[in-house]
N, C-alpha and C. Protein backbone atom coordinates (compact mmCIF):
# COMPACT_ATOMS: atom_id res chain seq x y z
N MET A 1 0.95 -1.10 0.00
CA MET A 1 -0.15 0.02 -0.02
C MET A 1 0.91 1.29 0.09
N GLU A 2 0.34 2.31 -0.31
CA GLU A 2 1.03 3.56 -0.53
C GLU A 2 1.39 4.25 0.90
N GLY A 3 2.35 4.69 1.06
CA GLY A 3 2.69 5.64 2.32
C GLY A 3 3.05 4.46 3.51
N GLU A 4 2.93 3.19 3.37
CA GLU A 4 3.28 2.35 4.48
C GLU A 4 4.82 2.21 4.33
N ASP A 5 5.37 2.24 5.65
CA ASP A 5 6.92 2.03 5.79
C ASP A 5 7.13 0.51 5.41
N GLN A 6 8.17 0.13 4.65
CA GLN A 6 8.42 -1.21 4.55
C GLN A 6 9.59 -1.56 5.48
N PRO A 7 9.58 -2.68 6.10
CA PRO A 7 10.60 -2.90 7.23
C PRO A 7 12.01 -2.69 6.57
N LYS A 8 12.91 -2.02 7.32
CA LYS A 8 14.23 -1.96 6.61
C LYS A 8 15.10 -3.11 6.79
N ALA A 9 15.90 -3.54 5.98
CA ALA A 9 16.82 -4.49 6.06
C ALA A 9 17.91 -4.20 7.20
N LEU A 10 18.13 -5.35 7.75
CA LEU A 10 19.14 -5.28 9.00
C LEU A 10 20.50 -5.10 8.42
N THR A 11 21.48 -4.38 9.18
CA THR A 11 22.64 -4.20 8.84
C THR A 11 23.38 -5.54 9.32
N ALA A 12 24.68 -5.51 9.12
CA ALA A 12 25.49 -6.77 9.46
C ALA A 12 25.52 -6.76 10.93
N ASP A 13 25.89 -5.71 11.52
CA ASP A 13 25.96 -5.35 12.95
C ASP A 13 24.67 -5.76 13.71
N GLU A 14 23.62 -5.34 13.21
CA GLU A 14 22.09 -5.69 13.72
C GLU A 14 22.02 -7.14 13.57
N ARG A 15 22.27 -7.87 12.58
CA ARG A 15 22.16 -9.37 12.40
C ARG A 15 23.01 -10.11 13.42
N ALA A 16 24.28 -9.68 13.51
CA ALA A 16 25.21 -10.13 14.60
C ALA A 16 24.61 -10.04 15.90
N ARG A 17 24.13 -8.82 16.21
CA ARG A 17 23.58 -8.75 17.80
C ARG A 17 22.48 -9.74 17.83
N LEU A 18 21.60 -9.66 16.74
CA LEU A 18 20.34 -10.67 16.94
C LEU A 18 20.73 -11.90 17.03
N GLU A 19 21.68 -12.65 16.41
CA GLU A 19 22.16 -13.74 16.42
C GLU A 19 22.62 -14.13 18.02
N HIS A 20 23.54 -13.12 18.37
CA HIS A 20 23.90 -13.22 19.76
C HIS A 20 22.82 -13.21 20.75
N PHE A 21 21.91 -12.50 20.57
CA PHE A 21 20.82 -12.36 21.51
C PHE A 21 20.06 -13.78 21.53
N LYS A 22 19.81 -14.24 20.27
CA LYS A 22 19.31 -15.67 20.28
C LYS A 22 20.16 -16.75 21.04
N LYS A 23 21.39 -16.88 20.82
CA LYS A 23 22.17 -17.64 21.53
C LYS A 23 22.29 -17.50 23.08
N VAL A 24 22.03 -16.25 23.61
CA VAL A 24 22.06 -15.96 24.96
C VAL A 24 20.64 -16.59 25.47
N LEU A 25 19.57 -16.39 24.79
CA LEU A 25 18.34 -16.90 25.24
C LEU A 25 18.22 -18.19 25.16
N GLN A 26 18.79 -18.93 24.19
CA GLN A 26 18.80 -20.47 24.15
C GLN A 26 19.70 -21.10 25.42
N LEU A 27 20.94 -20.28 25.70
CA LEU A 27 21.60 -20.64 26.82
C LEU A 27 20.93 -20.48 28.11
N GLN A 28 20.30 -19.29 28.31
CA GLN A 28 19.44 -19.18 29.49
C GLN A 28 18.31 -20.26 29.59
N LYS A 29 17.77 -20.52 28.50
CA LYS A 29 16.62 -21.72 28.70
C LYS A 29 17.39 -22.91 29.00
N ARG A 30 18.44 -23.45 28.46
CA ARG A 30 19.29 -24.52 28.96
C ARG A 30 19.69 -24.53 30.46
N VAL A 31 20.28 -23.37 30.99
CA VAL A 31 20.58 -23.13 32.22
C VAL A 31 19.28 -23.32 33.07
N ALA A 32 18.31 -22.77 32.93
CA ALA A 32 16.98 -22.85 33.67
C ALA A 32 16.40 -24.33 33.62
N GLU A 33 16.54 -25.08 32.53
CA GLU A 33 16.21 -26.47 32.60
C GLU A 33 16.90 -27.26 33.31
N ARG A 34 18.35 -27.12 33.39
CA ARG A 34 19.12 -27.86 34.18
C ARG A 34 18.94 -27.52 35.68
N MET A 35 18.86 -26.21 35.92
CA MET A 35 18.55 -25.81 37.50
C MET A 35 17.33 -26.36 37.94
N ALA A 36 16.51 -26.58 37.20
CA ALA A 36 15.15 -27.08 37.45
C ALA A 36 15.37 -28.56 38.05
N ARG A 37 16.36 -29.23 37.52
CA ARG A 37 16.65 -30.68 38.11
C ARG A 37 17.65 -30.76 39.27
N VAL A 38 17.96 -29.77 39.67
CA VAL A 38 18.89 -29.55 41.04
C VAL A 38 18.03 -29.66 42.14
N GLY A 39 18.65 -30.65 42.89
CA GLY A 39 17.69 -30.83 44.18
C GLY A 39 17.79 -29.72 45.17
N ALA A 40 19.00 -29.35 45.41
CA ALA A 40 19.17 -28.44 46.44
C ALA A 40 20.19 -27.30 45.92
N LYS A 41 20.08 -26.13 46.24
CA LYS A 41 20.84 -25.02 45.75
C LYS A 41 21.21 -24.13 47.12
N VAL A 42 22.56 -23.77 47.06
CA VAL A 42 23.16 -23.22 48.26
C VAL A 42 23.97 -22.02 47.83
N LEU A 43 23.37 -20.84 48.36
CA LEU A 43 24.12 -19.55 47.89
C LEU A 43 24.88 -18.98 49.07
N VAL A 44 26.02 -18.49 48.86
CA VAL A 44 26.90 -17.99 49.84
C VAL A 44 27.12 -16.63 49.56
N ALA A 45 26.59 -15.57 50.27
CA ALA A 45 26.54 -14.30 49.84
C ALA A 45 26.91 -13.28 51.02
N SER A 46 27.29 -12.08 50.74
CA SER A 46 27.62 -11.16 51.71
C SER A 46 27.67 -9.76 51.09
N GLY A 47 27.29 -8.67 51.79
CA GLY A 47 27.36 -7.33 51.24
C GLY A 47 28.75 -6.83 51.18
N LYS A 48 29.78 -7.65 51.69
CA LYS A 48 31.09 -6.78 51.94
C LYS A 48 32.08 -7.85 51.36
N GLY A 49 33.05 -7.53 50.75
CA GLY A 49 34.05 -8.45 50.18
C GLY A 49 35.13 -8.63 51.37
N GLY A 50 35.85 -9.76 50.96
CA GLY A 50 36.80 -10.10 51.73
C GLY A 50 36.54 -10.92 53.14
N VAL A 51 35.31 -11.37 53.21
CA VAL A 51 34.92 -11.89 54.35
C VAL A 51 34.89 -13.53 54.33
N GLY A 52 35.47 -14.05 53.18
CA GLY A 52 35.58 -15.68 53.11
C GLY A 52 34.42 -16.42 52.47
N LYS A 53 33.80 -15.66 51.57
CA LYS A 53 32.64 -16.20 50.97
C LYS A 53 32.95 -17.40 49.95
N THR A 54 34.18 -17.28 49.38
CA THR A 54 34.57 -18.21 48.37
C THR A 54 35.16 -19.49 49.02
N THR A 55 35.77 -19.14 50.05
CA THR A 55 36.38 -20.26 51.14
C THR A 55 35.28 -20.99 51.63
N ALA A 56 34.30 -20.33 52.20
CA ALA A 56 33.02 -21.06 52.66
C ALA A 56 32.22 -21.72 51.51
N ALA A 57 32.00 -21.25 50.37
CA ALA A 57 31.41 -21.97 49.41
C ALA A 57 32.43 -23.31 48.98
N VAL A 58 33.62 -23.15 48.90
CA VAL A 58 34.45 -24.23 48.43
C VAL A 58 34.49 -25.47 49.55
N ASN A 59 34.52 -24.99 50.76
CA ASN A 59 34.38 -25.89 51.86
C ASN A 59 33.06 -26.63 52.02
N LEU A 60 32.06 -25.92 51.84
CA LEU A 60 30.67 -26.55 51.77
C LEU A 60 30.72 -27.56 50.62
N ALA A 61 31.17 -27.26 49.44
CA ALA A 61 31.28 -28.22 48.14
C ALA A 61 32.04 -29.28 48.49
N LEU A 62 33.18 -29.20 49.02
CA LEU A 62 34.07 -30.36 49.45
C LEU A 62 33.24 -31.28 50.61
N ALA A 63 32.70 -30.58 51.55
CA ALA A 63 31.94 -31.55 52.54
C ALA A 63 30.93 -32.20 51.96
N PHE A 64 30.12 -31.63 51.00
CA PHE A 64 29.14 -32.30 50.17
C PHE A 64 29.57 -33.48 49.44
N THR A 65 30.70 -33.38 48.77
CA THR A 65 31.20 -34.29 48.12
C THR A 65 31.67 -35.64 48.83
N GLN A 66 32.28 -35.12 49.99
CA GLN A 66 32.79 -36.24 51.05
C GLN A 66 31.66 -37.01 51.68
N GLU A 67 30.49 -36.56 51.53
CA GLU A 67 29.31 -37.16 51.90
C GLU A 67 28.57 -38.14 50.80
N GLY A 68 29.36 -37.92 49.59
CA GLY A 68 28.71 -38.75 48.40
C GLY A 68 27.86 -37.99 47.46
N ASP A 69 27.69 -36.50 47.89
CA ASP A 69 26.78 -35.79 47.02
C ASP A 69 27.55 -35.25 45.71
N ARG A 70 26.79 -35.20 44.68
CA ARG A 70 27.42 -34.43 43.35
C ARG A 70 27.31 -32.99 43.57
N VAL A 71 28.26 -32.40 43.19
CA VAL A 71 28.42 -30.85 43.32
C VAL A 71 28.74 -30.14 42.24
N ALA A 72 28.34 -28.93 42.03
CA ALA A 72 28.74 -28.23 40.88
C ALA A 72 28.67 -26.71 41.78
N ALA A 73 29.86 -26.09 41.44
CA ALA A 73 29.92 -24.68 41.96
C ALA A 73 30.18 -23.57 40.88
N SER A 74 29.57 -22.52 41.27
CA SER A 74 29.53 -21.34 40.40
C SER A 74 29.70 -20.10 40.95
N GLY A 75 30.43 -19.22 40.78
CA GLY A 75 30.82 -17.95 41.40
C GLY A 75 30.71 -16.76 40.56
N CYS A 76 30.62 -15.82 41.15
CA CYS A 76 30.84 -14.52 40.33
C CYS A 76 31.28 -13.48 41.39
N GLY A 77 32.00 -12.52 40.99
CA GLY A 77 32.51 -11.64 41.84
C GLY A 77 32.77 -10.09 41.26
N VAL A 78 32.98 -9.23 41.86
CA VAL A 78 33.36 -7.82 41.21
C VAL A 78 34.93 -7.68 41.75
N GLY A 79 35.70 -7.53 40.57
CA GLY A 79 37.03 -7.30 40.71
C GLY A 79 38.05 -8.34 40.69
N ARG A 80 37.54 -9.62 40.96
CA ARG A 80 38.38 -10.74 40.27
C ARG A 80 37.48 -12.09 40.31
N ALA A 81 38.06 -12.96 39.65
CA ALA A 81 37.16 -14.30 39.57
C ALA A 81 37.62 -15.12 40.85
N GLY A 82 36.66 -15.33 41.69
CA GLY A 82 36.86 -16.25 42.82
C GLY A 82 36.92 -17.68 42.72
N GLY A 83 37.54 -18.26 43.56
CA GLY A 83 37.42 -19.78 43.48
C GLY A 83 38.62 -20.34 42.87
N PRO A 84 38.94 -20.21 41.59
CA PRO A 84 40.09 -20.98 41.08
C PRO A 84 41.31 -20.97 41.74
N HIS A 85 41.85 -19.83 42.30
CA HIS A 85 42.88 -19.62 43.11
C HIS A 85 43.06 -20.66 44.27
N LEU A 86 41.81 -21.01 45.01
CA LEU A 86 41.77 -21.81 46.01
C LEU A 86 41.68 -23.18 45.59
N ARG A 87 41.29 -23.71 44.32
CA ARG A 87 41.24 -24.93 44.04
C ARG A 87 42.47 -25.31 43.19
N GLY A 88 43.32 -24.45 42.98
CA GLY A 88 44.50 -24.81 42.23
C GLY A 88 44.29 -24.51 40.65
N GLY A 89 43.51 -23.54 40.24
CA GLY A 89 43.48 -23.16 38.99
C GLY A 89 42.12 -23.88 38.16
N TRP A 90 41.72 -23.28 37.03
CA TRP A 90 40.56 -23.73 36.28
C TRP A 90 40.84 -25.23 35.91
N ARG A 91 39.98 -26.16 35.96
CA ARG A 91 39.94 -27.42 35.40
C ARG A 91 39.74 -27.54 33.91
N ARG A 92 40.56 -28.17 33.02
CA ARG A 92 40.44 -28.05 31.70
C ARG A 92 39.76 -29.31 31.18
């Protein structure tokens, strides 16, 4: 029809961003599905840095594994990647 705007073609950058967004959504869906199967989740948190959160989390994980439980640990931090330095580096 006259006067109607046709959708503009996406630029290469916009296509790349769209593909990245699709991959992120797929990953989020996979993580959500896997987390739904986890029986128990433990969060170690504090509003202050340097109080031993990573140490506590690693010790809890080790204690659970010694009891025969399967454990996965994940961490995030501001300023540094916590955890690997306490476990002897990243596993490959």
